[in-house]
Amino acid sequence: MTTWFRTYYEDEDLWLYFEADDEGWAARQVEVRGQDSRPVTAASLEEVLHLRDHADLAAMGRYERQYGVLAEAVLDGWQGQPQVAEISEEEFERLWVEVRRILGASG
C-alpha cells in the first residue's frame, strides 16, 4: 500500500515529503527548506531507474543537479520519528506539481 508522509529536520530547517511504495521504498521525494519553503528536491524512482537503464552518468548528474537525489534506502521506522505525519495523496500531489514546476524551470 502506498503511503505519503512528511517529516522535519530542525537542524537543517528542511521538510521532507515522501511517497513510499508498498515495500517501503521512496517512489517520489520532495524537499523544501526554510521559512520560504525553497524547493530543493523533487525526485522520482521511476525517472532515476529510467536514466540508469537508458542514459549515461552525465544525464544522471544533470537530473540530480536539477531535481536532487532520491533516498536510496527503505524508509523503515519513519512512523516513530519526531515531527512525522501522514499526509494525503492530494497534499503530496499539490506539492509535487509545484516543486517540479519550480525546479524544472531552473534547469
C-alpha atoms as a PDB file:
ATOM      1  CA  MET A   1       0.000   0.000   0.000  1.00  0.00           C
ATOM      2  CA  THR A   2       1.354   3.404  -0.963  1.00  0.00           C
ATOM      3  CA  THR A   3       1.773   5.875   1.898  1.00  0.00           C
ATOM      4  CA  TRP A   4       2.535   9.557   1.948  1.00  0.00           C
ATOM      5  CA  PHE A   5       4.196  11.282   4.872  1.00  0.00           C
ATOM      6  CA  ARG A   6       6.315  14.241   5.862  1.00  0.00           C
ATOM      7  CA  THR A   7       8.978  14.835   8.440  1.00  0.00           C
ATOM      8  CA  TYR A   8      11.012  17.830   9.546  1.00  0.00           C
ATOM      9  CA  TYR A   9      14.764  18.051  10.207  1.00  0.00           C
ATOM     10  CA  GLU A  10      15.090  21.027  12.521  1.00  0.00           C
ATOM     11  CA  ASP A  11      18.903  21.172  12.323  1.00  0.00           C
ATOM     12  CA  GLU A  12      18.686  21.690   8.560  1.00  0.00           C
ATOM     13  CA  ASP A  13      15.360  23.583   8.536  1.00  0.00           C
ATOM     14  CA  LEU A  14      14.216  21.028   5.978  1.00  0.00           C
ATOM     15  CA  TRP A  15      10.809  19.450   5.328  1.00  0.00           C
ATOM     16  CA  LEU A  16      10.940  16.066   3.596  1.00  0.00           C
ATOM     17  CA  TYR A  17       7.855  14.612   1.901  1.00  0.00           C
ATOM     18  CA  PHE A  18       7.754  11.016   0.711  1.00  0.00           C
ATOM     19  CA  GLU A  19       5.570   8.800  -1.378  1.00  0.00           C
ATOM     20  CA  ALA A  20       6.559   5.309  -0.239  1.00  0.00           C
ATOM     21  CA  ASP A  21       5.629   2.183  -2.177  1.00  0.00           C
ATOM     22  CA  ASP A  22       4.249  -0.970  -0.564  1.00  0.00           C
ATOM     23  CA  GLU A  23       7.787  -2.244   0.096  1.00  0.00           C
ATOM     24  CA  GLY A  24       8.832   0.966   1.857  1.00  0.00           C
ATOM     25  CA  TRP A  25      10.984   2.461  -0.923  1.00  0.00           C
ATOM     26  CA  ALA A  26      10.710   6.131  -1.828  1.00  0.00           C
ATOM     27  CA  ALA A  27       8.788   6.302  -5.090  1.00  0.00           C
ATOM     28  CA  ARG A  28       8.936  10.096  -5.059  1.00  0.00           C
ATOM     29  CA  GLN A  29      10.543  12.584  -2.703  1.00  0.00           C
ATOM     30  CA  VAL A  30      10.128  16.329  -2.228  1.00  0.00           C
ATOM     31  CA  GLU A  31      12.232  18.550  -0.002  1.00  0.00           C
ATOM     32  CA  VAL A  32      11.699  22.211   0.836  1.00  0.00           C
ATOM     33  CA  ARG A  33      13.946  24.363   3.017  1.00  0.00           C
ATOM     34  CA  GLY A  34      13.380  27.336   5.273  1.00  0.00           C
ATOM     35  CA  GLN A  35      10.521  29.611   6.105  1.00  0.00           C
ATOM     36  CA  ASP A  36      10.103  30.497   2.436  1.00  0.00           C
ATOM     37  CA  SER A  37       9.805  26.776   1.520  1.00  0.00           C
ATOM     38  CA  ARG A  38      12.565  26.962  -1.082  1.00  0.00           C
ATOM     39  CA  PRO A  39      12.371  23.832  -3.279  1.00  0.00           C
ATOM     40  CA  VAL A  40      15.404  21.561  -3.007  1.00  0.00           C
ATOM     41  CA  THR A  41      14.356  18.129  -4.285  1.00  0.00           C
ATOM     42  CA  ALA A  42      11.596  16.579  -6.377  1.00  0.00           C
ATOM     43  CA  ALA A  43      12.994  13.217  -7.461  1.00  0.00           C
ATOM     44  CA  SER A  44      11.228  10.125  -8.774  1.00  0.00           C
ATOM     45  CA  LEU A  45      12.327   6.496  -8.576  1.00  0.00           C
ATOM     46  CA  GLU A  46      10.764   5.791 -11.978  1.00  0.00           C
ATOM     47  CA  GLU A  47      12.822   8.573 -13.579  1.00  0.00           C
ATOM     48  CA  VAL A  48      16.025   7.528 -11.821  1.00  0.00           C
ATOM     49  CA  LEU A  49      15.612   3.908 -12.933  1.00  0.00           C
ATOM     50  CA  HIS A  50      14.879   5.007 -16.497  1.00  0.00           C
ATOM     51  CA  LEU A  51      18.053   7.111 -16.567  1.00  0.00           C
ATOM     52  CA  ARG A  52      20.072   4.278 -15.058  1.00  0.00           C
ATOM     53  CA  ASP A  53      18.859   1.878 -17.731  1.00  0.00           C
ATOM     54  CA  HIS A  54      18.770   4.172 -20.773  1.00  0.00           C
ATOM     55  CA  ALA A  55      21.191   7.062 -20.281  1.00  0.00           C
ATOM     56  CA  ASP A  56      24.726   7.780 -19.190  1.00  0.00           C
ATOM     57  CA  LEU A  57      26.276   9.155 -15.994  1.00  0.00           C
ATOM     58  CA  ALA A  58      26.216  12.693 -17.379  1.00  0.00           C
ATOM     59  CA  ALA A  59      22.427  12.516 -17.802  1.00  0.00           C
ATOM     60  CA  MET A  60      22.059  11.212 -14.256  1.00  0.00           C
ATOM     61  CA  GLY A  61      24.251  14.050 -12.983  1.00  0.00           C
ATOM     62  CA  ARG A  62      22.101  16.633 -14.790  1.00  0.00           C
ATOM     63  CA  TYR A  63      18.953  15.092 -13.302  1.00  0.00           C
ATOM     64  CA  GLU A  64      20.393  15.160  -9.767  1.00  0.00           C
ATOM     65  CA  ARG A  65      21.539  18.786 -10.117  1.00  0.00           C
ATOM     66  CA  GLN A  66      18.077  19.812 -11.285  1.00  0.00           C
ATOM     67  CA  TYR A  67      15.802  17.590  -9.171  1.00  0.00           C
ATOM     68  CA  GLY A  68      18.005  16.392  -6.305  1.00  0.00           C
ATOM     69  CA  VAL A  69      18.831  12.916  -5.077  1.00  0.00           C
ATOM     70  CA  LEU A  70      16.219  10.320  -4.159  1.00  0.00           C
ATOM     71  CA  ALA A  71      16.532   8.417  -0.865  1.00  0.00           C
ATOM     72  CA  GLU A  72      18.340   5.165  -1.597  1.00  0.00           C
ATOM     73  CA  ALA A  73      17.231   3.050   1.355  1.00  0.00           C
ATOM     74  CA  VAL A  74      13.988   1.545   2.579  1.00  0.00           C
ATOM     75  CA  LEU A  75      12.102   4.100   4.662  1.00  0.00           C
ATOM     76  CA  ASP A  76      11.754   1.881   7.738  1.00  0.00           C
ATOM     77  CA  GLY A  77      10.786   3.309  11.087  1.00  0.00           C
ATOM     78  CA  TRP A  78       9.506   6.646   9.860  1.00  0.00           C
ATOM     79  CA  GLN A  79       6.374   6.299  11.974  1.00  0.00           C
ATOM     80  CA  GLY A  80       8.380   6.680  15.185  1.00  0.00           C
ATOM     81  CA  GLN A  81      10.277   9.802  14.151  1.00  0.00           C
ATOM     82  CA  PRO A  82       9.570  13.125  15.840  1.00  0.00           C
ATOM     83  CA  GLN A  83       7.571  15.636  13.799  1.00  0.00           C
ATOM     84  CA  VAL A  84       6.384  12.996  11.324  1.00  0.00           C
ATOM     85  CA  ALA A  85       2.843  12.867   9.999  1.00  0.00           C
ATOM     86  CA  GLU A  86       0.974  11.008   7.325  1.00  0.00           C
ATOM     87  CA  ILE A  87      -0.399  13.278   4.622  1.00  0.00           C
ATOM     88  CA  SER A  88      -2.961  12.755   1.914  1.00  0.00           C
ATOM     89  CA  GLU A  89      -2.142  11.788  -1.642  1.00  0.00           C
ATOM     90  CA  GLU A  90      -3.722  15.061  -2.742  1.00  0.00           C
ATOM     91  CA  GLU A  91      -1.458  17.130  -0.471  1.00  0.00           C
ATOM     92  CA  PHE A  92       1.604  15.321  -1.798  1.00  0.00           C
ATOM     93  CA  GLU A  93       0.470  15.771  -5.425  1.00  0.00           C
ATOM     94  CA  ARG A  94      -0.093  19.515  -5.000  1.00  0.00           C
ATOM     95  CA  LEU A  95       3.384  19.939  -3.531  1.00  0.00           C
ATOM     96  CA  TRP A  96       4.969  17.642  -6.156  1.00  0.00           C
ATOM     97  CA  VAL A  97       3.495  19.610  -9.054  1.00  0.00           C
ATOM     98  CA  GLU A  98       4.549  22.973  -7.619  1.00  0.00           C
ATOM     99  CA  VAL A  99       8.111  21.956  -6.734  1.00  0.00           C
ATOM    100  CA  ARG A 100       8.618  20.176 -10.077  1.00  0.00           C
ATOM    101  CA  ARG A 101       7.410  23.307 -11.874  1.00  0.00           C
ATOM    102  CA  ILE A 102       9.908  25.482  -9.991  1.00  0.00           C
ATOM    103  CA  LEU A 103      12.865  23.091 -10.273  1.00  0.00           C
ATOM    104  CA  GLY A 104      12.033  22.304 -13.908  1.00  0.00           C
ATOM    105  CA  ALA A 105      12.147  25.996 -14.769  1.00  0.00           C
ATOM    106  CA  SER A 106      15.576  26.299 -13.145  1.00  0.00           C
ATOM    107  CA  GLY A 107      17.102  23.693 -15.457  1.00  0.00           C
END
